Amino acid sequence: MIPPALEEANRQRAKAGLPEIRDEVTPHTLRYTCIAALFAAGADQEYVADQVGHEDVTTTNRIYRYVLQRRRRGEIGRRRQLAMHDSAADVGRREHSTDRARGR
């Protein structure tokens, strides 16, 4: 990365309470971060492959497989949390209706 740009980026990050960007950041690091961010934001595989110039989505999938796996695990975790939340809400409603039926 160009030193003045890195210095400015780190000033901005310090103001925001974020860690510094290391000197070892390369254009490849930024490309990799962008692709991971696209996947994390839910972009579909064909779109990402097109954006980064991969002719075949298989190339993107092979290189960034672990990002896709983390995204899937995150989706499963969110669904599990939502199911647990819904389940707890149902239990609360049932207990409340049982209490009302008993006159409590």
N, C-alpha and C. Protein backbone atom coordinates (compact mmCIF):
# COMPACT_ATOMS: atom_id res chain seq x y z
N MET A 1 0.85 -1.17 0.00
CA MET A 1 0.00 0.00 0.00
C MET A 1 0.90 1.23 0.00
N ILE A 2 0.44 2.31 -0.59
CA ILE A 2 1.21 3.54 -0.66
C ILE A 2 1.30 4.15 0.74
N PRO A 3 2.52 4.42 1.25
CA PRO A 3 2.66 4.90 2.63
C PRO A 3 1.76 6.07 3.03
N PRO A 4 1.63 7.16 2.24
CA PRO A 4 0.72 8.25 2.69
C PRO A 4 -0.74 7.78 2.81
N ALA A 5 -1.15 6.90 1.89
CA ALA A 5 -2.52 6.39 1.96
C ALA A 5 -2.70 5.52 3.20
N LEU A 6 -1.68 4.72 3.51
CA LEU A 6 -1.72 3.87 4.69
C LEU A 6 -1.77 4.72 5.96
N GLU A 7 -0.96 5.77 5.99
CA GLU A 7 -0.95 6.66 7.16
C GLU A 7 -2.31 7.31 7.36
N GLU A 8 -2.90 7.79 6.28
CA GLU A 8 -4.22 8.42 6.38
C GLU A 8 -5.28 7.41 6.80
N ALA A 9 -5.21 6.23 6.22
CA ALA A 9 -6.18 5.18 6.59
C ALA A 9 -6.05 4.85 8.07
N ASN A 10 -4.84 4.76 8.57
CA ASN A 10 -4.64 4.45 9.99
C ASN A 10 -5.09 5.59 10.89
N ARG A 11 -4.92 6.84 10.45
CA ARG A 11 -5.46 7.98 11.23
C ARG A 11 -6.98 7.87 11.35
N GLN A 12 -7.62 7.58 10.23
CA GLN A 12 -9.07 7.44 10.22
C GLN A 12 -9.52 6.26 11.09
N ARG A 13 -8.79 5.16 11.00
CA ARG A 13 -9.13 3.98 11.80
C ARG A 13 -8.94 4.25 13.29
N ALA A 14 -7.88 4.99 13.64
CA ALA A 14 -7.65 5.33 15.05
C ALA A 14 -8.80 6.18 15.59
N LYS A 15 -9.27 7.12 14.79
CA LYS A 15 -10.41 7.96 15.20
C LYS A 15 -11.66 7.10 15.44
N ALA A 16 -11.79 6.06 14.63
CA ALA A 16 -12.96 5.18 14.74
C ALA A 16 -12.76 4.07 15.77
N GLY A 17 -11.57 4.04 16.40
CA GLY A 17 -11.30 3.02 17.40
C GLY A 17 -10.99 1.65 16.81
N LEU A 18 -10.53 1.63 15.56
CA LEU A 18 -10.21 0.37 14.88
C LEU A 18 -8.71 0.14 14.87
N PRO A 19 -8.28 -1.11 14.77
CA PRO A 19 -6.83 -1.39 14.74
C PRO A 19 -6.19 -0.89 13.46
N GLU A 20 -4.89 -0.69 13.52
CA GLU A 20 -4.14 -0.22 12.35
C GLU A 20 -4.11 -1.28 11.26
N ILE A 21 -3.94 -0.80 10.05
CA ILE A 21 -3.69 -1.68 8.91
C ILE A 21 -2.19 -1.92 8.88
N ARG A 22 -1.78 -3.15 8.79
CA ARG A 22 -0.35 -3.48 8.76
C ARG A 22 0.28 -3.02 7.44
N ASP A 23 1.58 -2.82 7.48
CA ASP A 23 2.33 -2.42 6.28
C ASP A 23 2.30 -3.49 5.21
N GLU A 24 2.05 -4.73 5.60
CA GLU A 24 2.10 -5.83 4.65
C GLU A 24 0.86 -5.93 3.77
N VAL A 25 -0.07 -5.00 3.90
CA VAL A 25 -1.28 -5.06 3.07
C VAL A 25 -0.89 -4.81 1.62
N THR A 26 -1.34 -5.70 0.76
CA THR A 26 -1.03 -5.62 -0.67
C THR A 26 -2.34 -5.47 -1.45
N PRO A 27 -2.24 -5.17 -2.73
CA PRO A 27 -3.46 -5.15 -3.54
C PRO A 27 -4.21 -6.48 -3.46
N HIS A 28 -3.47 -7.59 -3.38
CA HIS A 28 -4.11 -8.90 -3.27
C HIS A 28 -4.89 -9.00 -1.96
N THR A 29 -4.33 -8.47 -0.88
CA THR A 29 -5.02 -8.48 0.41
C THR A 29 -6.35 -7.73 0.30
N LEU A 30 -6.31 -6.58 -0.38
CA LEU A 30 -7.53 -5.79 -0.54
C LEU A 30 -8.55 -6.52 -1.41
N ARG A 31 -8.08 -7.16 -2.47
CA ARG A 31 -8.97 -7.94 -3.34
C ARG A 31 -9.64 -9.07 -2.55
N TYR A 32 -8.82 -9.78 -1.80
CA TYR A 32 -9.30 -10.89 -0.98
C TYR A 32 -10.34 -10.41 0.04
N THR A 33 -10.04 -9.27 0.68
CA THR A 33 -10.97 -8.69 1.66
C THR A 33 -12.28 -8.29 1.00
N CYS A 34 -12.18 -7.71 -0.18
CA CYS A 34 -13.39 -7.30 -0.91
C CYS A 34 -14.25 -8.51 -1.25
N ILE A 35 -13.63 -9.56 -1.73
CA ILE A 35 -14.38 -10.77 -2.10
C ILE A 35 -15.02 -11.38 -0.86
N ALA A 36 -14.28 -11.47 0.22
CA ALA A 36 -14.84 -12.01 1.46
C ALA A 36 -16.00 -11.15 1.94
N ALA A 37 -15.87 -9.83 1.82
CA ALA A 37 -16.95 -8.92 2.24
C ALA A 37 -18.19 -9.09 1.36
N LEU A 38 -17.98 -9.28 0.06
CA LEU A 38 -19.12 -9.51 -0.83
C LEU A 38 -19.87 -10.78 -0.42
N PHE A 39 -19.13 -11.84 -0.17
CA PHE A 39 -19.78 -13.08 0.27
C PHE A 39 -20.47 -12.89 1.62
N ALA A 40 -19.80 -12.22 2.54
CA ALA A 40 -20.37 -12.01 3.87
C ALA A 40 -21.65 -11.18 3.79
N ALA A 41 -21.72 -10.30 2.81
CA ALA A 41 -22.91 -9.46 2.63
C ALA A 41 -24.02 -10.21 1.91
N GLY A 42 -23.73 -11.43 1.47
CA GLY A 42 -24.77 -12.24 0.85
C GLY A 42 -24.78 -12.23 -0.67
N ALA A 43 -23.74 -11.66 -1.28
CA ALA A 43 -23.69 -11.64 -2.74
C ALA A 43 -23.64 -13.07 -3.26
N ASP A 44 -24.29 -13.28 -4.39
CA ASP A 44 -24.31 -14.64 -4.91
C ASP A 44 -23.01 -14.95 -5.65
N GLN A 45 -22.70 -16.22 -5.74
CA GLN A 45 -21.40 -16.68 -6.23
C GLN A 45 -21.13 -16.22 -7.67
N GLU A 46 -22.14 -16.25 -8.52
CA GLU A 46 -21.96 -15.83 -9.91
C GLU A 46 -21.61 -14.35 -9.98
N TYR A 47 -22.26 -13.53 -9.15
CA TYR A 47 -21.99 -12.10 -9.13
C TYR A 47 -20.54 -11.84 -8.71
N VAL A 48 -20.11 -12.49 -7.64
CA VAL A 48 -18.74 -12.29 -7.14
C VAL A 48 -17.73 -12.73 -8.20
N ALA A 49 -17.96 -13.90 -8.80
CA ALA A 49 -17.05 -14.39 -9.83
C ALA A 49 -16.94 -13.38 -10.97
N ASP A 50 -18.06 -12.82 -11.36
CA ASP A 50 -18.06 -11.83 -12.44
C ASP A 50 -17.31 -10.56 -12.02
N GLN A 51 -17.51 -10.11 -10.81
CA GLN A 51 -16.87 -8.89 -10.33
C GLN A 51 -15.35 -9.01 -10.28
N VAL A 52 -14.86 -10.19 -9.96
CA VAL A 52 -13.41 -10.35 -9.80
C VAL A 52 -12.74 -10.93 -11.04
N GLY A 53 -13.52 -11.16 -12.10
CA GLY A 53 -12.94 -11.59 -13.36
C GLY A 53 -12.68 -13.07 -13.48
N HIS A 54 -13.30 -13.86 -12.65
CA HIS A 54 -13.17 -15.31 -12.80
C HIS A 54 -14.14 -15.75 -13.89
N GLU A 55 -13.63 -16.45 -14.88
CA GLU A 55 -14.48 -16.90 -15.98
C GLU A 55 -15.44 -17.99 -15.53
N ASP A 56 -15.03 -18.74 -14.54
CA ASP A 56 -15.84 -19.86 -14.07
C ASP A 56 -16.07 -19.71 -12.57
N VAL A 57 -17.31 -19.83 -12.15
CA VAL A 57 -17.65 -19.69 -10.73
C VAL A 57 -16.95 -20.75 -9.88
N THR A 58 -16.57 -21.86 -10.50
CA THR A 58 -15.86 -22.92 -9.79
C THR A 58 -14.53 -22.40 -9.23
N THR A 59 -13.88 -21.54 -9.97
CA THR A 59 -12.62 -20.95 -9.51
C THR A 59 -12.86 -20.16 -8.23
N THR A 60 -13.87 -19.33 -8.24
CA THR A 60 -14.20 -18.52 -7.06
C THR A 60 -14.55 -19.43 -5.89
N ASN A 61 -15.36 -20.43 -6.14
CA ASN A 61 -15.76 -21.35 -5.07
C ASN A 61 -14.56 -22.08 -4.48
N ARG A 62 -13.64 -22.50 -5.33
CA ARG A 62 -12.47 -23.24 -4.86
C ARG A 62 -11.58 -22.36 -4.00
N ILE A 63 -11.33 -21.14 -4.45
CA ILE A 63 -10.43 -20.23 -3.73
C ILE A 63 -11.06 -19.74 -2.43
N TYR A 64 -12.34 -19.44 -2.46
CA TYR A 64 -13.00 -18.83 -1.30
C TYR A 64 -13.97 -19.77 -0.60
N ARG A 65 -13.75 -21.08 -0.76
CA ARG A 65 -14.62 -22.09 -0.18
C ARG A 65 -14.83 -21.87 1.33
N TYR A 66 -13.75 -21.57 2.04
CA TYR A 66 -13.88 -21.42 3.49
C TYR A 66 -14.76 -20.22 3.85
N VAL A 67 -14.73 -19.16 3.03
CA VAL A 67 -15.60 -18.00 3.29
C VAL A 67 -17.05 -18.42 3.12
N LEU A 68 -17.32 -19.18 2.08
CA LEU A 68 -18.68 -19.66 1.85
C LEU A 68 -19.13 -20.58 2.98
N GLN A 69 -18.21 -21.42 3.46
CA GLN A 69 -18.56 -22.32 4.57
C GLN A 69 -18.87 -21.52 5.83
N ARG A 70 -18.08 -20.48 6.11
CA ARG A 70 -18.35 -19.64 7.29
C ARG A 70 -19.70 -18.95 7.14
N ARG A 71 -20.01 -18.50 5.92
CA ARG A 71 -21.30 -17.83 5.69
C ARG A 71 -22.45 -18.80 5.96
N ARG A 72 -22.30 -20.04 5.47
CA ARG A 72 -23.36 -21.04 5.69
C ARG A 72 -23.52 -21.34 7.17
N ARG A 73 -22.39 -21.48 7.88
CA ARG A 73 -22.46 -21.73 9.33
C ARG A 73 -23.12 -20.55 10.03
N GLY A 74 -22.82 -19.34 9.58
CA GLY A 74 -23.45 -18.15 10.16
C GLY A 74 -24.95 -18.16 9.94
N GLU A 75 -25.37 -18.54 8.74
CA GLU A 75 -26.80 -18.61 8.44
C GLU A 75 -27.47 -19.66 9.32
N ILE A 76 -26.81 -20.79 9.48
CA ILE A 76 -27.37 -21.85 10.32
C ILE A 76 -27.48 -21.35 11.76
N GLY A 77 -26.44 -20.67 12.23
CA GLY A 77 -26.46 -20.13 13.59
C GLY A 77 -27.57 -19.12 13.79
N ARG A 78 -27.75 -18.24 12.80
CA ARG A 78 -28.84 -17.23 12.90
C ARG A 78 -30.20 -17.91 12.90
N ARG A 79 -30.36 -18.91 12.06
CA ARG A 79 -31.64 -19.64 12.03
C ARG A 79 -31.90 -20.35 13.34
N ARG A 80 -30.83 -20.95 13.91
CA ARG A 80 -30.98 -21.63 15.19
C ARG A 80 -31.37 -20.63 16.28
N GLN A 81 -30.72 -19.46 16.30
CA GLN A 81 -31.07 -18.44 17.29
C GLN A 81 -32.51 -17.99 17.11
N LEU A 82 -32.92 -17.79 15.89
CA LEU A 82 -34.30 -17.37 15.63
C LEU A 82 -35.28 -18.44 16.08
N ALA A 83 -34.95 -19.70 15.78
CA ALA A 83 -35.83 -20.80 16.21
C ALA A 83 -35.90 -20.87 17.73
N MET A 84 -34.76 -20.70 18.41
CA MET A 84 -34.76 -20.72 19.87
C MET A 84 -35.56 -19.55 20.43
N HIS A 85 -35.43 -18.40 19.81
CA HIS A 85 -36.17 -17.22 20.25
C HIS A 85 -37.67 -17.44 20.08
N ASP A 86 -38.04 -17.95 18.90
CA ASP A 86 -39.46 -18.23 18.64
C ASP A 86 -39.99 -19.28 19.60
N SER A 87 -39.19 -20.30 19.86
CA SER A 87 -39.59 -21.36 20.76
C SER A 87 -39.80 -20.82 22.17
N ALA A 88 -38.88 -19.98 22.63
CA ALA A 88 -39.00 -19.38 23.96
C ALA A 88 -40.23 -18.49 24.04
N ALA A 89 -40.51 -17.77 22.97
CA ALA A 89 -41.70 -16.91 22.95
C ALA A 89 -42.97 -17.75 23.03
N ASP A 90 -42.98 -18.89 22.31
CA ASP A 90 -44.13 -19.78 22.37
C ASP A 90 -44.34 -20.32 23.78
N VAL A 91 -43.26 -20.72 24.43
CA VAL A 91 -43.35 -21.23 25.80
C VAL A 91 -43.93 -20.15 26.70
N GLY A 92 -43.43 -18.93 26.55
CA GLY A 92 -43.93 -17.82 27.35
C GLY A 92 -45.41 -17.57 27.13
N ARG A 93 -45.85 -17.64 25.89
CA ARG A 93 -47.28 -17.43 25.58
C ARG A 93 -48.12 -18.56 26.18
N ARG A 94 -47.62 -19.80 26.07
CA ARG A 94 -48.38 -20.93 26.63
C ARG A 94 -48.50 -20.80 28.15
N GLU A 95 -47.38 -20.44 28.80
CA GLU A 95 -47.42 -20.28 30.26
C GLU A 95 -48.37 -19.17 30.65
N HIS A 96 -48.34 -18.06 29.90
CA HIS A 96 -49.21 -16.93 30.20
C HIS A 96 -50.68 -17.32 30.02
N SER A 97 -51.01 -18.05 28.95
CA SER A 97 -52.40 -18.46 28.72
C SER A 97 -52.85 -19.48 29.76
N THR A 98 -51.94 -20.37 30.18
CA THR A 98 -52.27 -21.35 31.23
C THR A 98 -52.53 -20.63 32.55
N ASP A 99 -51.71 -19.65 32.87
CA ASP A 99 -51.90 -18.87 34.10
C ASP A 99 -53.25 -18.14 34.07
N ARG A 100 -53.60 -17.56 32.93
CA ARG A 100 -54.88 -16.85 32.81
C ARG A 100 -56.04 -17.82 32.97
N ALA A 101 -55.89 -19.02 32.38
CA ALA A 101 -56.95 -20.00 32.47
C ALA A 101 -57.14 -20.47 33.91
N ARG A 102 -56.08 -20.47 34.70
CA ARG A 102 -56.15 -20.89 36.08
C ARG A 102 -56.56 -19.73 37.00
N GLY A 103 -56.68 -18.54 36.43
CA GLY A 103 -57.10 -17.39 37.21
C GLY A 103 -55.99 -16.70 37.97
N ARG A 104 -54.75 -16.86 37.53
CA ARG A 104 -53.61 -16.22 38.19
C ARG A 104 -53.35 -14.87 37.65
